[in-house]
């Protein structure tokens, strides 16, 4: 298993879904019990809450382009972590930040994010 390639493919597909404005498409990469710690939001659990937050983020920046850069990762058994940076840009504004994802190997061998935290570099 090449975890770096798995994470890079994950980020590419996730960014494509985000750039389409597809919150459900983004949620597909996350476990059903995802714990999400988004900026300026209470901690949430579950895909429905994830999709609500992402719909709101996408509505704030329609037509924005999202990108991720992998900084570091590691794997131990059925758990992995991913540290990265993200950028969100549109014609009106831009945002840069960082994230940490904890992934769990699923019964079918795929990896899904089970805990995600991200925040902006804005002061």
PDB file of N, CA and C in Angstrom:
ATOM      1  N   UNK A   1       0.844  -1.179   0.000  1.00  0.00           N
ATOM      2  CA  UNK A   1       0.000   0.000   0.000  1.00  0.00           C
ATOM      3  C   UNK A   1       0.887   1.240   0.000  1.00  0.00           C
ATOM      4  N   UNK A   2       0.580   2.167  -0.880  1.00  0.00           N
ATOM      5  CA  UNK A   2       1.289   3.435  -0.955  1.00  0.00           C
ATOM      6  C   UNK A   2       0.388   4.518  -0.362  1.00  0.00           C
ATOM      7  N   UNK A   3       0.562   4.797   0.936  1.00  0.00           N
ATOM      8  CA  UNK A   3      -0.322   5.736   1.626  1.00  0.00           C
ATOM      9  C   UNK A   3      -0.203   7.139   1.059  1.00  0.00           C
ATOM     10  N   UNK A   4       0.986   7.533   0.645  1.00  0.00           N
ATOM     11  CA  UNK A   4       1.141   8.878   0.063  1.00  0.00           C
ATOM     12  C   UNK A   4       0.256   9.013  -1.166  1.00  0.00           C
ATOM     13  N   UNK A   5       0.273   8.027  -2.051  1.00  0.00           N
ATOM     14  CA  UNK A   5      -0.565   8.074  -3.250  1.00  0.00           C
ATOM     15  C   UNK A   5      -2.044   8.038  -2.870  1.00  0.00           C
ATOM     16  N   UNK A   6      -2.400   7.218  -1.893  1.00  0.00           N
ATOM     17  CA  UNK A   6      -3.787   7.157  -1.424  1.00  0.00           C
ATOM     18  C   UNK A   6      -4.254   8.534  -0.975  1.00  0.00           C
ATOM     19  N   UNK A   7      -3.437   9.228  -0.185  1.00  0.00           N
ATOM     20  CA  UNK A   7      -3.807  10.555   0.315  1.00  0.00           C
ATOM     21  C   UNK A   7      -3.835  11.601  -0.800  1.00  0.00           C
ATOM     22  N   UNK A   8      -2.893  11.520  -1.714  1.00  0.00           N
ATOM     23  CA  UNK A   8      -2.889  12.476  -2.836  1.00  0.00           C
ATOM     24  C   UNK A   8      -4.107  12.265  -3.732  1.00  0.00           C
ATOM     25  N   UNK A   9      -4.470  11.010  -4.000  1.00  0.00           N
ATOM     26  CA  UNK A   9      -5.678  10.723  -4.787  1.00  0.00           C
ATOM     27  C   UNK A   9      -6.927  11.193  -4.051  1.00  0.00           C
ATOM     28  N   UNK A  10      -6.961  10.965  -2.748  1.00  0.00           N
ATOM     29  CA  UNK A  10      -8.058  11.417  -1.896  1.00  0.00           C
ATOM     30  C   UNK A  10      -8.211  12.936  -2.028  1.00  0.00           C
ATOM     31  N   UNK A  11      -7.090  13.658  -1.868  1.00  0.00           N
ATOM     32  CA  UNK A  11      -7.144  15.128  -1.940  1.00  0.00           C
ATOM     33  C   UNK A  11      -7.595  15.605  -3.310  1.00  0.00           C
ATOM     34  N   UNK A  12      -7.132  14.976  -4.373  1.00  0.00           N
ATOM     35  CA  UNK A  12      -7.537  15.373  -5.724  1.00  0.00           C
ATOM     36  C   UNK A  12      -9.037  15.219  -5.906  1.00  0.00           C
ATOM     37  N   UNK A  13      -9.575  14.074  -5.526  1.00  0.00           N
ATOM     38  CA  UNK A  13     -11.012  13.824  -5.682  1.00  0.00           C
ATOM     39  C   UNK A  13     -11.831  14.726  -4.757  1.00  0.00           C
ATOM     40  N   UNK A  14     -11.359  14.938  -3.537  1.00  0.00           N
ATOM     41  CA  UNK A  14     -12.034  15.826  -2.587  1.00  0.00           C
ATOM     42  C   UNK A  14     -12.084  17.251  -3.146  1.00  0.00           C
ATOM     43  N   UNK A  15     -10.960  17.741  -3.647  1.00  0.00           N
ATOM     44  CA  UNK A  15     -10.909  19.100  -4.211  1.00  0.00           C
ATOM     45  C   UNK A  15     -11.850  19.234  -5.407  1.00  0.00           C
ATOM     46  N   UNK A  16     -11.896  18.214  -6.248  1.00  0.00           N
ATOM     47  CA  UNK A  16     -12.813  18.253  -7.392  1.00  0.00           C
ATOM     48  C   UNK A  16     -14.264  18.371  -6.922  1.00  0.00           C
ATOM     49  N   UNK A  17     -14.640  17.601  -5.891  1.00  0.00           N
ATOM     50  CA  UNK A  17     -16.004  17.670  -5.356  1.00  0.00           C
ATOM     51  C   UNK A  17     -16.266  19.056  -4.764  1.00  0.00           C
ATOM     52  N   UNK A  18     -15.323  19.579  -3.988  1.00  0.00           N
ATOM     53  CA  UNK A  18     -15.496  20.902  -3.389  1.00  0.00           C
ATOM     54  C   UNK A  18     -15.663  21.955  -4.477  1.00  0.00           C
ATOM     55  N   UNK A  19     -14.833  21.889  -5.493  1.00  0.00           N
ATOM     56  CA  UNK A  19     -14.867  22.886  -6.570  1.00  0.00           C
ATOM     57  C   UNK A  19     -16.142  22.807  -7.398  1.00  0.00           C
ATOM     58  N   UNK A  20     -16.820  21.660  -7.380  1.00  0.00           N
ATOM     59  CA  UNK A  20     -18.132  21.521  -8.021  1.00  0.00           C
ATOM     60  C   UNK A  20     -19.250  22.026  -7.130  1.00  0.00           C
ATOM     61  N   UNK A  21     -18.940  22.321  -5.861  1.00  0.00           N
ATOM     62  CA  UNK A  21     -19.967  22.709  -4.903  1.00  0.00           C
ATOM     63  C   UNK A  21     -20.754  21.523  -4.391  1.00  0.00           C
ATOM     64  N   UNK A  22     -20.127  20.354  -4.362  1.00  0.00           N
ATOM     65  CA  UNK A  22     -20.780  19.091  -4.028  1.00  0.00           C
ATOM     66  C   UNK A  22     -20.424  18.657  -2.606  1.00  0.00           C
ATOM     67  N   UNK A  23     -21.194  19.126  -1.617  1.00  0.00           N
ATOM     68  CA  UNK A  23     -20.925  18.783  -0.217  1.00  0.00           C
ATOM     69  C   UNK A  23     -21.033  17.282   0.025  1.00  0.00           C
ATOM     70  N   UNK A  24     -22.019  16.640  -0.604  1.00  0.00           N
ATOM     71  CA  UNK A  24     -22.173  15.190  -0.442  1.00  0.00           C
ATOM     72  C   UNK A  24     -20.973  14.463  -1.053  1.00  0.00           C
ATOM     73  N   UNK A  25     -20.463  14.976  -2.153  1.00  0.00           N
ATOM     74  CA  UNK A  25     -19.272  14.388  -2.768  1.00  0.00           C
ATOM     75  C   UNK A  25     -18.064  14.485  -1.853  1.00  0.00           C
ATOM     76  N   UNK A  26     -17.921  15.612  -1.151  1.00  0.00           N
ATOM     77  CA  UNK A  26     -16.840  15.753  -0.170  1.00  0.00           C
ATOM     78  C   UNK A  26     -17.039  14.769   0.977  1.00  0.00           C
ATOM     79  N   UNK A  27     -18.276  14.643   1.440  1.00  0.00           N
ATOM     80  CA  UNK A  27     -18.585  13.782   2.580  1.00  0.00           C
ATOM     81  C   UNK A  27     -18.293  12.315   2.292  1.00  0.00           C
ATOM     82  N   UNK A  28     -18.258  11.931   1.027  1.00  0.00           N
ATOM     83  CA  UNK A  28     -18.017  10.536   0.665  1.00  0.00           C
ATOM     84  C   UNK A  28     -16.657  10.031   1.156  1.00  0.00           C
ATOM     85  N   UNK A  29     -15.734  10.942   1.431  1.00  0.00           N
ATOM     86  CA  UNK A  29     -14.394  10.564   1.864  1.00  0.00           C
ATOM     87  C   UNK A  29     -14.277  10.473   3.386  1.00  0.00           C
ATOM     88  N   UNK A  30     -15.398  10.679   4.073  1.00  0.00           N
ATOM     89  CA  UNK A  30     -15.422  10.727   5.520  1.00  0.00           C
ATOM     90  C   UNK A  30     -16.322   9.617   6.055  1.00  0.00           C
ATOM     91  N   UNK A  31     -16.011   9.122   7.245  1.00  0.00           N
ATOM     92  CA  UNK A  31     -16.796   8.045   7.847  1.00  0.00           C
ATOM     93  C   UNK A  31     -18.179   8.555   8.246  1.00  0.00           C
ATOM     94  N   UNK A  32     -19.109   7.631   8.418  1.00  0.00           N
ATOM     95  CA  UNK A  32     -20.472   8.015   8.807  1.00  0.00           C
ATOM     96  C   UNK A  32     -20.504   8.737  10.148  1.00  0.00           C
ATOM     97  N   UNK A  33     -19.531   8.432  11.016  1.00  0.00           N
ATOM     98  CA  UNK A  33     -19.485   9.043  12.342  1.00  0.00           C
ATOM     99  C   UNK A  33     -18.422  10.135  12.447  1.00  0.00           C
ATOM    100  N   UNK A  34     -18.109  10.783  11.326  1.00  0.00           N
ATOM    101  CA  UNK A  34     -17.060  11.801  11.271  1.00  0.00           C
ATOM    102  C   UNK A  34     -17.218  12.830  12.396  1.00  0.00           C
ATOM    103  N   UNK A  35     -16.126  13.094  13.079  1.00  0.00           N
ATOM    104  CA  UNK A  35     -16.066  14.198  14.038  1.00  0.00           C
ATOM    105  C   UNK A  35     -15.368  15.336  13.313  1.00  0.00           C
ATOM    106  N   UNK A  36     -16.074  16.451  13.180  1.00  0.00           N
ATOM    107  CA  UNK A  36     -15.549  17.603  12.453  1.00  0.00           C
ATOM    108  C   UNK A  36     -15.377  18.768  13.410  1.00  0.00           C
ATOM    109  N   UNK A  37     -14.186  19.346  13.395  1.00  0.00           N
ATOM    110  CA  UNK A  37     -13.880  20.535  14.194  1.00  0.00           C
ATOM    111  C   UNK A  37     -13.501  21.645  13.222  1.00  0.00           C
ATOM    112  N   UNK A  38     -14.533  22.336  12.747  1.00  0.00           N
ATOM    113  CA  UNK A  38     -14.363  23.413  11.780  1.00  0.00           C
ATOM    114  C   UNK A  38     -14.217  24.746  12.512  1.00  0.00           C
ATOM    115  N   UNK A  39     -13.562  25.724  11.894  1.00  0.00           N
ATOM    116  CA  UNK A  39     -13.384  27.012  12.563  1.00  0.00           C
ATOM    117  C   UNK A  39     -14.723  27.708  12.820  1.00  0.00           C
ATOM    118  N   UNK A  40     -14.807  28.324  13.975  1.00  0.00           N
ATOM    119  CA  UNK A  40     -15.987  29.113  14.355  1.00  0.00           C
ATOM    120  C   UNK A  40     -17.274  28.303  14.375  1.00  0.00           C
ATOM    121  N   UNK A  41     -17.161  27.011  14.608  1.00  0.00           N
ATOM    122  CA  UNK A  41     -18.311  26.108  14.678  1.00  0.00           C
ATOM    123  C   UNK A  41     -18.143  25.191  15.881  1.00  0.00           C
ATOM    124  N   UNK A  42     -19.244  24.758  16.500  1.00  0.00           N
ATOM    125  CA  UNK A  42     -19.093  23.730  17.536  1.00  0.00           C
ATOM    126  C   UNK A  42     -18.669  22.409  16.895  1.00  0.00           C
ATOM    127  N   UNK A  43     -18.057  21.559  17.673  1.00  0.00           N
ATOM    128  CA  UNK A  43     -17.681  20.239  17.182  1.00  0.00           C
ATOM    129  C   UNK A  43     -18.953  19.500  16.771  1.00  0.00           C
ATOM    130  N   UNK A  44     -18.906  18.812  15.635  1.00  0.00           N
ATOM    131  CA  UNK A  44     -20.064  18.060  15.161  1.00  0.00           C
ATOM    132  C   UNK A  44     -19.681  16.611  14.933  1.00  0.00           C
ATOM    133  N   UNK A  45     -20.706  15.772  14.823  1.00  0.00           N
ATOM    134  CA  UNK A  45     -20.496  14.353  14.533  1.00  0.00           C
ATOM    135  C   UNK A  45     -21.516  13.922  13.482  1.00  0.00           C
ATOM    136  N   UNK A  46     -21.038  13.186  12.495  1.00  0.00           N
ATOM    137  CA  UNK A  46     -21.907  12.605  11.480  1.00  0.00           C
ATOM    138  C   UNK A  46     -21.869  13.342  10.154  1.00  0.00           C
ATOM    139  N   UNK A  47     -22.205  12.588   9.099  1.00  0.00           N
ATOM    140  CA  UNK A  47     -22.143  13.143   7.743  1.00  0.00           C
ATOM    141  C   UNK A  47     -23.163  14.251   7.504  1.00  0.00           C
ATOM    142  N   UNK A  48     -24.346  14.157   8.107  1.00  0.00           N
ATOM    143  CA  UNK A  48     -25.357  15.196   7.888  1.00  0.00           C
ATOM    144  C   UNK A  48     -24.838  16.543   8.376  1.00  0.00           C
ATOM    145  N   UNK A  49     -24.235  16.580   9.555  1.00  0.00           N
ATOM    146  CA  UNK A  49     -23.673  17.818  10.092  1.00  0.00           C
ATOM    147  C   UNK A  49     -22.501  18.286   9.230  1.00  0.00           C
ATOM    148  N   UNK A  50     -21.674  17.351   8.785  1.00  0.00           N
ATOM    149  CA  UNK A  50     -20.554  17.672   7.896  1.00  0.00           C
ATOM    150  C   UNK A  50     -21.073  18.372   6.643  1.00  0.00           C
ATOM    151  N   UNK A  51     -22.079  17.773   6.013  1.00  0.00           N
ATOM    152  CA  UNK A  51     -22.611  18.345   4.783  1.00  0.00           C
ATOM    153  C   UNK A  51     -23.210  19.727   5.017  1.00  0.00           C
ATOM    154  N   UNK A  52     -23.890  19.928   6.136  1.00  0.00           N
ATOM    155  CA  UNK A  52     -24.448  21.248   6.449  1.00  0.00           C
ATOM    156  C   UNK A  52     -23.347  22.306   6.521  1.00  0.00           C
ATOM    157  N   UNK A  53     -22.270  21.996   7.228  1.00  0.00           N
ATOM    158  CA  UNK A  53     -21.162  22.943   7.363  1.00  0.00           C
ATOM    159  C   UNK A  53     -20.523  23.207   6.005  1.00  0.00           C
ATOM    160  N   UNK A  54     -20.345  22.172   5.216  1.00  0.00           N
ATOM    161  CA  UNK A  54     -19.699  22.361   3.920  1.00  0.00           C
ATOM    162  C   UNK A  54     -20.596  23.099   2.926  1.00  0.00           C
ATOM    163  N   UNK A  55     -21.890  22.865   2.971  1.00  0.00           N
ATOM    164  CA  UNK A  55     -22.797  23.643   2.128  1.00  0.00           C
ATOM    165  C   UNK A  55     -22.673  25.127   2.457  1.00  0.00           C
ATOM    166  N   UNK A  56     -22.598  25.427   3.737  1.00  0.00           N
ATOM    167  CA  UNK A  56     -22.450  26.813   4.179  1.00  0.00           C
ATOM    168  C   UNK A  56     -21.123  27.400   3.702  1.00  0.00           C
ATOM    169  N   UNK A  57     -20.037  26.644   3.857  1.00  0.00           N
ATOM    170  CA  UNK A  57     -18.720  27.134   3.392  1.00  0.00           C
ATOM    171  C   UNK A  57     -18.730  27.372   1.885  1.00  0.00           C
ATOM    172  N   UNK A  58     -19.341  26.479   1.146  1.00  0.00           N
ATOM    173  CA  UNK A  58     -19.386  26.629  -0.312  1.00  0.00           C
ATOM    174  C   UNK A  58     -20.250  27.816  -0.716  1.00  0.00           C
ATOM    175  N   UNK A  59     -21.333  28.050   0.014  1.00  0.00           N
ATOM    176  CA  UNK A  59     -22.215  29.188  -0.285  1.00  0.00           C
ATOM    177  C   UNK A  59     -21.518  30.518  -0.023  1.00  0.00           C
ATOM    178  N   UNK A  60     -20.598  30.542   0.946  1.00  0.00           N
ATOM    179  CA  UNK A  60     -19.854  31.759   1.254  1.00  0.00           C
ATOM    180  C   UNK A  60     -18.863  32.116   0.159  1.00  0.00           C
ATOM    181  N   UNK A  61     -18.431  31.141  -0.617  1.00  0.00           N
ATOM    182  CA  UNK A  61     -17.427  31.362  -1.667  1.00  0.00           C
ATOM    183  C   UNK A  61     -17.828  30.628  -2.945  1.00  0.00           C
ATOM    184  N   UNK A  62     -18.944  31.040  -3.561  1.00  0.00           N
ATOM    185  CA  UNK A  62     -19.374  30.330  -4.778  1.00  0.00           C
ATOM    186  C   UNK A  62     -18.316  30.433  -5.877  1.00  0.00           C
ATOM    187  N   UNK A  63     -18.074  29.306  -6.507  1.00  0.00           N
ATOM    188  CA  UNK A  63     -17.096  29.273  -7.590  1.00  0.00           C
ATOM    189  C   UNK A  63     -15.656  29.278  -7.127  1.00  0.00           C
ATOM    190  N   UNK A  64     -15.430  29.127  -5.832  1.00  0.00           N
ATOM    191  CA  UNK A  64     -14.069  29.134  -5.302  1.00  0.00           C
ATOM    192  C   UNK A  64     -13.320  27.874  -5.726  1.00  0.00           C
ATOM    193  N   UNK A  65     -12.018  27.980  -5.725  1.00  0.00           N
ATOM    194  CA  UNK A  65     -11.149  26.847  -6.024  1.00  0.00           C
ATOM    195  C   UNK A  65     -10.447  26.427  -4.745  1.00  0.00           C
ATOM    196  N   UNK A  66     -10.597  25.150  -4.399  1.00  0.00           N
ATOM    197  CA  UNK A  66     -10.001  24.585  -3.189  1.00  0.00           C
ATOM    198  C   UNK A  66      -8.835  23.699  -3.593  1.00  0.00           C
ATOM    199  N   UNK A  67      -7.747  23.787  -2.842  1.00  0.00           N
ATOM    200  CA  UNK A  67      -6.611  22.896  -3.086  1.00  0.00           C
ATOM    201  C   UNK A  67      -5.980  22.514  -1.749  1.00  0.00           C
ATOM    202  N   UNK A  68      -5.376  21.342  -1.719  1.00  0.00           N
ATOM    203  CA  UNK A  68      -4.676  20.828  -0.538  1.00  0.00           C
ATOM    204  C   UNK A  68      -3.239  20.519  -0.897  1.00  0.00           C
ATOM    205  N   UNK A  69      -2.376  20.613   0.103  1.00  0.00           N
ATOM    206  CA  UNK A  69      -1.000  20.162  -0.062  1.00  0.00           C
ATOM    207  C   UNK A  69      -0.640  19.260   1.111  1.00  0.00           C
ATOM    208  N   UNK A  70      -0.195  18.070   0.817  1.00  0.00           N
ATOM    209  CA  UNK A  70       0.204  17.115   1.843  1.00  0.00           C
ATOM    210  C   UNK A  70       1.538  17.549   2.443  1.00  0.00           C
ATOM    211  N   UNK A  71       1.593  17.653   3.769  1.00  0.00           N
ATOM    212  CA  UNK A  71       2.813  18.048   4.465  1.00  0.00           C
ATOM    213  C   UNK A  71       3.468  16.840   5.116  1.00  0.00           C
ATOM    214  N   UNK A  72       2.657  16.018   5.771  1.00  0.00           N
ATOM    215  CA  UNK A  72       3.184  14.860   6.489  1.00  0.00           C
ATOM    216  C   UNK A  72       2.068  13.834   6.665  1.00  0.00           C
ATOM    217  N   UNK A  73       2.455  12.581   6.802  1.00  0.00           N
ATOM    218  CA  UNK A  73       1.474  11.520   7.044  1.00  0.00           C
ATOM    219  C   UNK A  73       2.160  10.363   7.746  1.00  0.00           C
ATOM    220  N   UNK A  74       1.350   9.488   8.302  1.00  0.00           N
ATOM    221  CA  UNK A  74       1.868   8.293   8.939  1.00  0.00           C
ATOM    222  C   UNK A  74       0.773   7.251   9.033  1.00  0.00           C
ATOM    223  N   UNK A  75       1.182   5.999   9.170  1.00  0.00           N
ATOM    224  CA  UNK A  75       0.247   4.882   9.252  1.00  0.00           C
ATOM    225  C   UNK A  75       0.691   3.964  10.381  1.00  0.00           C
ATOM    226  N   UNK A  76      -0.274   3.523  11.164  1.00  0.00           N
ATOM    227  CA  UNK A  76      -0.023   2.533  12.204  1.00  0.00           C
ATOM    228  C   UNK A  76      -1.229   1.604  12.225  1.00  0.00           C
ATOM    229  N   UNK A  77      -1.079   0.422  11.640  1.00  0.00           N
ATOM    230  CA  UNK A  77      -2.192  -0.524  11.586  1.00  0.00           C
ATOM    231  C   UNK A  77      -3.347   0.020  10.766  1.00  0.00           C
ATOM    232  N   UNK A  78      -4.531   0.075  11.378  1.00  0.00           N
ATOM    233  CA  UNK A  78      -5.729   0.536  10.675  1.00  0.00           C
ATOM    234  C   UNK A  78      -6.001   2.021  10.862  1.00  0.00           C
ATOM    235  N   UNK A  79      -5.039   2.754  11.433  1.00  0.00           N
ATOM    236  CA  UNK A  79      -5.180   4.199  11.593  1.00  0.00           C
ATOM    237  C   UNK A  79      -4.060   4.915  10.850  1.00  0.00           C
ATOM    238  N   UNK A  80      -4.375   6.091  10.346  1.00  0.00           N
ATOM    239  CA  UNK A  80      -3.388   6.921   9.670  1.00  0.00           C
ATOM    240  C   UNK A  80      -3.690   8.376   9.996  1.00  0.00           C
ATOM    241  N   UNK A  81      -2.692   9.215   9.807  1.00  0.00           N
ATOM    242  CA  UNK A  81      -2.936  10.641   9.963  1.00  0.00           C
ATOM    243  C   UNK A  81      -2.403  11.379   8.743  1.00  0.00           C
ATOM    244  N   UNK A  82      -2.971  12.533   8.505  1.00  0.00           N
ATOM    245  CA  UNK A  82      -2.603  13.375   7.381  1.00  0.00           C
ATOM    246  C   UNK A  82      -2.540  14.819   7.885  1.00  0.00           C
ATOM    247  N   UNK A  83      -1.407  15.464   7.693  1.00  0.00           N
ATOM    248  CA  UNK A  83      -1.243  16.877   8.012  1.00  0.00           C
ATOM    249  C   UNK A  83      -1.055  17.597   6.689  1.00  0.00           C
ATOM    250  N   UNK A  84      -1.759  18.714   6.530  1.00  0.00           N
ATOM    251  CA  UNK A  84      -1.625  19.431   5.275  1.00  0.00           C
ATOM    252  C   UNK A  84      -2.020  20.889   5.390  1.00  0.00           C
ATOM    253  N   UNK A  85      -1.885  21.552   4.270  1.00  0.00           N
ATOM    254  CA  UNK A  85      -2.338  22.928   4.156  1.00  0.00           C
ATOM    255  C   UNK A  85      -3.415  22.970   3.089  1.00  0.00           C
ATOM    256  N   UNK A  86      -4.263  23.999   3.174  1.00  0.00           N
ATOM    257  CA  UNK A  86      -5.286  24.178   2.156  1.00  0.00           C
ATOM    258  C   UNK A  86      -5.313  25.628   1.721  1.00  0.00           C
ATOM    259  N   UNK A  87      -5.835  25.837   0.540  1.00  0.00           N
ATOM    260  CA  UNK A  87      -6.059  27.186   0.021  1.00  0.00           C
ATOM    261  C   UNK A  87      -7.426  27.200  -0.631  1.00  0.00           C
ATOM    262  N   UNK A  88      -8.128  28.282  -0.429  1.00  0.00           N
ATOM    263  CA  UNK A  88      -9.442  28.498  -1.020  1.00  0.00           C
ATOM    264  C   UNK A  88      -9.405  29.879  -1.639  1.00  0.00           C
ATOM    265  N   UNK A  89      -9.616  29.943  -2.952  1.00  0.00           N
ATOM    266  CA  UNK A  89      -9.528  31.242  -3.612  1.00  0.00           C
ATOM    267  C   UNK A  89     -10.696  31.428  -4.567  1.00  0.00           C
ATOM    268  N   UNK A  90     -11.158  32.650  -4.641  1.00  0.00           N
ATOM    269  CA  UNK A  90     -12.157  33.049  -5.624  1.00  0.00           C
ATOM    270  C   UNK A  90     -11.838  34.470  -6.055  1.00  0.00           C
ATOM    271  N   UNK A  91     -12.711  35.062  -6.799  1.00  0.00           N
ATOM    272  CA  UNK A  91     -12.417  36.395  -7.328  1.00  0.00           C
ATOM    273  C   UNK A  91     -12.486  37.480  -6.263  1.00  0.00           C
ATOM    274  N   UNK A  92     -13.155  37.221  -5.139  1.00  0.00           N
ATOM    275  CA  UNK A  92     -13.336  38.237  -4.107  1.00  0.00           C
ATOM    276  C   UNK A  92     -12.384  38.111  -2.927  1.00  0.00           C
ATOM    277  N   UNK A  93     -11.978  36.910  -2.607  1.00  0.00           N
ATOM    278  CA  UNK A  93     -11.143  36.726  -1.423  1.00  0.00           C
ATOM    279  C   UNK A  93     -10.379  35.418  -1.527  1.00  0.00           C
ATOM    280  N   UNK A  94      -9.522  35.222  -0.552  1.00  0.00           N
ATOM    281  CA  UNK A  94      -8.806  33.950  -0.485  1.00  0.00           C
ATOM    282  C   UNK A  94      -8.599  33.591   0.975  1.00  0.00           C
ATOM    283  N   UNK A  95      -8.364  32.321   1.203  1.00  0.00           N
ATOM    284  CA  UNK A  95      -8.118  31.829   2.554  1.00  0.00           C
ATOM    285  C   UNK A  95      -7.053  30.751   2.468  1.00  0.00           C
ATOM    286  N   UNK A  96      -6.164  30.751   3.425  1.00  0.00           N
ATOM    287  CA  UNK A  96      -5.181  29.688   3.549  1.00  0.00           C
ATOM    288  C   UNK A  96      -5.251  29.170   4.970  1.00  0.00           C
ATOM    289  N   UNK A  97      -4.951  27.889   5.126  1.00  0.00           N
ATOM    290  CA  UNK A  97      -4.996  27.309   6.459  1.00  0.00           C
ATOM    291  C   UNK A  97      -4.320  25.961   6.506  1.00  0.00           C
ATOM    292  N   UNK A  98      -4.594  25.259   7.584  1.00  0.00           N
ATOM    293  CA  UNK A  98      -3.988  23.945   7.788  1.00  0.00           C
ATOM    294  C   UNK A  98      -5.034  22.987   8.327  1.00  0.00           C
ATOM    295  N   UNK A  99      -4.732  21.690   8.202  1.00  0.00           N
ATOM    296  CA  UNK A  99      -5.676  20.674   8.659  1.00  0.00           C
ATOM    297  C   UNK A  99      -4.948  19.449   9.167  1.00  0.00           C
ATOM    298  N   UNK A 100      -5.669  18.689   9.968  1.00  0.00           N
ATOM    299  CA  UNK A 100      -5.229  17.393  10.446  1.00  0.00           C
ATOM    300  C   UNK A 100      -6.390  16.436  10.281  1.00  0.00           C
ATOM    301  N   UNK A 101      -6.171  15.354   9.587  1.00  0.00           N
ATOM    302  CA  UNK A 101      -7.175  14.308   9.425  1.00  0.00           C
ATOM    303  C   UNK A 101      -6.658  13.018  10.057  1.00  0.00           C
ATOM    304  N   UNK A 102      -7.536  12.326  10.749  1.00  0.00           N
ATOM    305  CA  UNK A 102      -7.249  10.980  11.223  1.00  0.00           C
ATOM    306  C   UNK A 102      -8.121  10.047  10.408  1.00  0.00           C
ATOM    307  N   UNK A 103      -7.500   9.070   9.778  1.00  0.00           N
ATOM    308  CA  UNK A 103      -8.204   8.139   8.901  1.00  0.00           C
ATOM    309  C   UNK A 103      -8.234   6.754   9.524  1.00  0.00           C
ATOM    310  N   UNK A 104      -9.286   6.015   9.209  1.00  0.00           N
ATOM    311  CA  UNK A 104      -9.433   4.636   9.670  1.00  0.00           C
ATOM    312  C   UNK A 104      -9.668   3.747   8.447  1.00  0.00           C
ATOM    313  N   UNK A 105      -8.951   2.618   8.404  1.00  0.00           N
ATOM    314  CA  UNK A 105      -9.174   1.656   7.318  1.00  0.00           C
ATOM    315  C   UNK A 105     -10.534   1.005   7.535  1.00  0.00           C
ATOM    316  N   UNK A 106     -11.330   0.971   6.479  1.00  0.00           N
ATOM    317  CA  UNK A 106     -12.671   0.397   6.524  1.00  0.00           C
ATOM    318  C   UNK A 106     -12.606  -1.106   6.258  1.00  0.00           C
ATOM    319  N   UNK A 107     -13.690  -1.795   6.510  1.00  0.00           N
ATOM    320  CA  UNK A 107     -13.748  -3.245   6.312  1.00  0.00           C
ATOM    321  C   UNK A 107     -13.421  -3.638   4.869  1.00  0.00           C
ATOM    322  N   UNK A 108     -13.756  -2.749   3.916  1.00  0.00           N
ATOM    323  CA  UNK A 108     -13.484  -3.056   2.501  1.00  0.00           C
ATOM    324  C   UNK A 108     -12.076  -2.671   2.067  1.00  0.00           C
ATOM    325  N   UNK A 109     -11.239  -2.192   3.011  1.00  0.00           N
ATOM    326  CA  UNK A 109      -9.856  -1.847   2.712  1.00  0.00           C
ATOM    327  C   UNK A 109      -9.644  -0.381   2.345  1.00  0.00           C
ATOM    328  N   UNK A 110     -10.713   0.366   2.116  1.00  0.00           N
ATOM    329  CA  UNK A 110     -10.572   1.784   1.811  1.00  0.00           C
ATOM    330  C   UNK A 110     -10.294   2.565   3.098  1.00  0.00           C
ATOM    331  N   UNK A 111      -9.823   3.787   2.928  1.00  0.00           N
ATOM    332  CA  UNK A 111      -9.553   4.668   4.053  1.00  0.00           C
ATOM    333  C   UNK A 111     -10.571   5.797   4.058  1.00  0.00           C
ATOM    334  N   UNK A 112     -11.090   6.118   5.244  1.00  0.00           N
ATOM    335  CA  UNK A 112     -12.024   7.239   5.408  1.00  0.00           C
ATOM    336  C   UNK A 112     -11.558   8.080   6.592  1.00  0.00           C
ATOM    337  N   UNK A 113     -11.773   9.383   6.464  1.00  0.00           N
ATOM    338  CA  UNK A 113     -11.438  10.292   7.553  1.00  0.00           C
ATOM    339  C   UNK A 113     -12.482  10.120   8.648  1.00  0.00           C
ATOM    340  N   UNK A 114     -12.018   9.938   9.881  1.00  0.00           N
ATOM    341  CA  UNK A 114     -12.919   9.763  11.013  1.00  0.00           C
ATOM    342  C   UNK A 114     -12.897  10.964  11.962  1.00  0.00           C
ATOM    343  N   UNK A 115     -11.799  11.732  11.940  1.00  0.00           N
ATOM    344  CA  UNK A 115     -11.699  12.980  12.697  1.00  0.00           C
ATOM    345  C   UNK A 115     -10.993  13.990  11.800  1.00  0.00           C
ATOM    346  N   UNK A 116     -11.557  15.200  11.726  1.00  0.00           N
ATOM    347  CA  UNK A 116     -10.950  16.250  10.912  1.00  0.00           C
ATOM    348  C   UNK A 116     -11.029  17.575  11.648  1.00  0.00           C
ATOM    349  N   UNK A 117      -9.916  18.259  11.679  1.00  0.00           N
ATOM    350  CA  UNK A 117      -9.865  19.607  12.241  1.00  0.00           C
ATOM    351  C   UNK A 117      -9.125  20.491  11.250  1.00  0.00           C
ATOM    352  N   UNK A 118      -9.669  21.678  11.026  1.00  0.00           N
ATOM    353  CA  UNK A 118      -8.984  22.633  10.155  1.00  0.00           C
ATOM    354  C   UNK A 118      -9.232  24.037  10.651  1.00  0.00           C
ATOM    355  N   UNK A 119      -8.296  24.925  10.343  1.00  0.00           N
ATOM    356  CA  UNK A 119      -8.470  26.317  10.690  1.00  0.00           C
ATOM    357  C   UNK A 119      -7.681  27.198   9.733  1.00  0.00           C
ATOM    358  N   UNK A 120      -8.074  28.443   9.738  1.00  0.00           N
ATOM    359  CA  UNK A 120      -7.509  29.436   8.837  1.00  0.00           C
ATOM    360  C   UNK A 120      -6.219  30.000   9.407  1.00  0.00           C
ATOM    361  N   UNK A 121      -5.364  30.494   8.535  1.00  0.00           N
ATOM    362  CA  UNK A 121      -4.178  31.201   8.965  1.00  0.00           C
ATOM    363  C   UNK A 121      -4.484  32.669   9.245  1.00  0.00           C
ATOM    364  N   UNK A 122      -5.716  33.089   9.008  1.00  0.00           N
ATOM    365  CA  UNK A 122      -6.084  34.483   9.282  1.00  0.00           C
ATOM    366  C   UNK A 122      -5.896  34.785  10.756  1.00  0.00           C
ATOM    367  N   UNK A 123      -5.479  36.022  11.062  1.00  0.00           N
ATOM    368  CA  UNK A 123      -5.326  36.393  12.481  1.00  0.00           C
ATOM    369  C   UNK A 123      -6.664  36.510  13.179  1.00  0.00           C
TER     370      UNK A 123
END
